[in-house]
N, C-alpha and C. Protein backbone atom coordinates (compact mmCIF):
# COMPACT_ATOMS: atom_id res chain seq x y z
N UNK A 1 46.18 157.96 115.53
CA UNK A 1 45.86 156.82 114.68
C UNK A 1 44.61 157.10 113.86
N UNK A 2 44.68 156.78 112.59
CA UNK A 2 43.51 156.99 111.74
C UNK A 2 42.54 155.83 111.89
N UNK A 3 41.31 156.06 111.50
CA UNK A 3 40.28 155.03 111.57
C UNK A 3 40.66 153.85 110.67
N UNK A 4 41.19 154.17 109.49
CA UNK A 4 41.57 153.11 108.55
C UNK A 4 42.62 152.18 109.18
N UNK A 5 43.58 152.77 109.87
CA UNK A 5 44.62 151.97 110.50
C UNK A 5 44.03 151.09 111.61
N UNK A 6 43.13 151.68 112.40
CA UNK A 6 42.50 150.91 113.48
C UNK A 6 41.71 149.74 112.92
N UNK A 7 40.97 149.97 111.84
CA UNK A 7 40.20 148.88 111.23
C UNK A 7 41.13 147.80 110.69
N UNK A 8 42.25 148.22 110.12
CA UNK A 8 43.22 147.25 109.60
C UNK A 8 43.76 146.36 110.72
N UNK A 9 44.10 146.98 111.85
CA UNK A 9 44.62 146.22 112.99
C UNK A 9 43.55 145.28 113.53
N UNK A 10 42.33 145.77 113.66
CA UNK A 10 41.24 144.95 114.19
C UNK A 10 40.92 143.80 113.24
N UNK A 11 40.98 144.06 111.93
CA UNK A 11 40.76 143.00 110.95
C UNK A 11 41.83 141.92 111.08
N UNK A 12 43.07 142.34 111.33
CA UNK A 12 44.16 141.38 111.52
C UNK A 12 43.90 140.51 112.75
N UNK A 13 43.48 141.15 113.86
CA UNK A 13 43.18 140.40 115.09
C UNK A 13 42.03 139.43 114.84
N UNK A 14 40.99 139.91 114.14
CA UNK A 14 39.85 139.05 113.84
C UNK A 14 40.27 137.83 113.03
N UNK A 15 41.11 138.06 112.02
CA UNK A 15 41.59 136.95 111.19
C UNK A 15 42.41 135.97 112.01
N UNK A 16 43.19 136.48 112.97
CA UNK A 16 43.98 135.61 113.83
C UNK A 16 43.07 134.74 114.69
N UNK A 17 42.00 135.34 115.24
CA UNK A 17 41.05 134.56 116.03
C UNK A 17 40.35 133.51 115.18
N UNK A 18 40.01 133.87 113.94
CA UNK A 18 39.37 132.90 113.04
C UNK A 18 40.31 131.73 112.77
N UNK A 19 41.59 132.04 112.56
CA UNK A 19 42.57 130.98 112.33
C UNK A 19 42.70 130.08 113.55
N UNK A 20 42.73 130.68 114.74
CA UNK A 20 42.80 129.90 115.98
C UNK A 20 41.56 129.01 116.13
N UNK A 21 40.40 129.54 115.76
CA UNK A 21 39.16 128.77 115.86
C UNK A 21 39.20 127.55 114.93
N UNK A 22 39.81 127.71 113.77
CA UNK A 22 39.89 126.61 112.81
C UNK A 22 40.79 125.49 113.31
N UNK A 23 41.81 125.84 114.12
CA UNK A 23 42.76 124.83 114.57
C UNK A 23 42.45 124.34 115.99
N UNK A 24 41.40 124.88 116.62
CA UNK A 24 41.04 124.48 117.98
C UNK A 24 39.78 123.62 117.97
N UNK A 25 39.47 123.07 119.14
CA UNK A 25 38.25 122.27 119.27
C UNK A 25 37.51 122.65 120.54
N UNK A 26 36.24 122.31 120.59
CA UNK A 26 35.44 122.46 121.81
C UNK A 26 35.27 123.90 122.27
N UNK A 27 35.46 124.11 123.58
CA UNK A 27 35.21 125.41 124.22
C UNK A 27 36.14 126.49 123.67
N UNK A 28 37.40 126.12 123.42
CA UNK A 28 38.35 127.11 122.88
C UNK A 28 37.87 127.60 121.52
N UNK A 29 37.39 126.68 120.69
CA UNK A 29 36.90 127.05 119.36
C UNK A 29 35.73 128.04 119.48
N UNK A 30 34.81 127.78 120.38
CA UNK A 30 33.67 128.67 120.58
C UNK A 30 34.12 130.05 121.05
N UNK A 31 35.09 130.09 121.96
CA UNK A 31 35.59 131.36 122.48
C UNK A 31 36.25 132.18 121.37
N UNK A 32 37.10 131.53 120.58
CA UNK A 32 37.77 132.24 119.48
C UNK A 32 36.76 132.73 118.46
N UNK A 33 35.75 131.91 118.15
CA UNK A 33 34.72 132.31 117.18
C UNK A 33 33.93 133.49 117.72
N UNK A 34 33.59 133.47 119.01
CA UNK A 34 32.83 134.56 119.62
C UNK A 34 33.63 135.86 119.54
N UNK A 35 34.92 135.79 119.86
CA UNK A 35 35.76 137.00 119.81
C UNK A 35 35.89 137.52 118.39
N UNK A 36 36.04 136.62 117.42
CA UNK A 36 36.17 137.04 116.02
C UNK A 36 34.89 137.75 115.58
N UNK A 37 33.73 137.24 115.99
CA UNK A 37 32.46 137.88 115.62
C UNK A 37 32.33 139.25 116.27
N UNK A 38 32.85 139.39 117.50
CA UNK A 38 32.81 140.67 118.19
C UNK A 38 33.62 141.71 117.40
N UNK A 39 34.84 141.33 116.99
CA UNK A 39 35.67 142.25 116.20
C UNK A 39 35.03 142.54 114.86
N UNK A 40 34.39 141.52 114.26
CA UNK A 40 33.72 141.70 112.98
C UNK A 40 32.59 142.71 113.11
N UNK A 41 31.85 142.64 114.21
CA UNK A 41 30.77 143.59 114.46
C UNK A 41 31.29 145.01 114.57
N UNK A 42 32.45 145.16 115.22
CA UNK A 42 33.05 146.49 115.35
C UNK A 42 33.43 147.05 113.98
N UNK A 43 34.00 146.20 113.14
CA UNK A 43 34.40 146.62 111.80
C UNK A 43 33.16 147.05 111.00
N UNK A 44 32.07 146.30 111.12
CA UNK A 44 30.84 146.64 110.41
C UNK A 44 30.33 148.01 110.87
N UNK A 45 30.39 148.28 112.18
CA UNK A 45 29.94 149.57 112.71
C UNK A 45 30.76 150.72 112.15
N UNK A 46 32.06 150.54 112.09
CA UNK A 46 32.95 151.60 111.62
C UNK A 46 32.80 151.81 110.12
N UNK A 47 32.54 150.74 109.40
CA UNK A 47 32.47 150.80 107.93
C UNK A 47 31.18 151.43 107.42
N UNK A 48 30.18 151.60 108.28
CA UNK A 48 28.91 152.22 107.85
C UNK A 48 29.14 153.66 107.41
N UNK A 49 28.45 154.09 106.36
CA UNK A 49 28.60 155.48 105.93
C UNK A 49 28.03 156.44 106.96
N UNK A 50 28.62 157.60 107.05
CA UNK A 50 28.15 158.60 108.00
C UNK A 50 26.80 159.15 107.51
N UNK A 51 25.84 159.22 108.41
CA UNK A 51 24.53 159.77 108.04
C UNK A 51 23.46 158.72 107.86
N UNK A 52 23.73 157.49 108.27
CA UNK A 52 22.69 156.46 108.23
C UNK A 52 22.97 155.37 107.21
N UNK A 53 21.92 154.64 106.90
CA UNK A 53 22.05 153.48 106.00
C UNK A 53 21.58 153.85 104.59
N UNK A 54 22.50 154.34 103.79
CA UNK A 54 22.15 154.67 102.41
C UNK A 54 22.50 153.51 101.50
């Protein structure tokens, strides 16, 4: 699997969690939002250019 494909799949999962958070309330909403942010953080890490922050 290529990195691009993995990021695409993770972005899809993140979007699904965001959608669930929008239609949920209370504790479930917080859980879905937390998971979406976790996936978002992973995408940000992968998207960084190799060799630091240019």
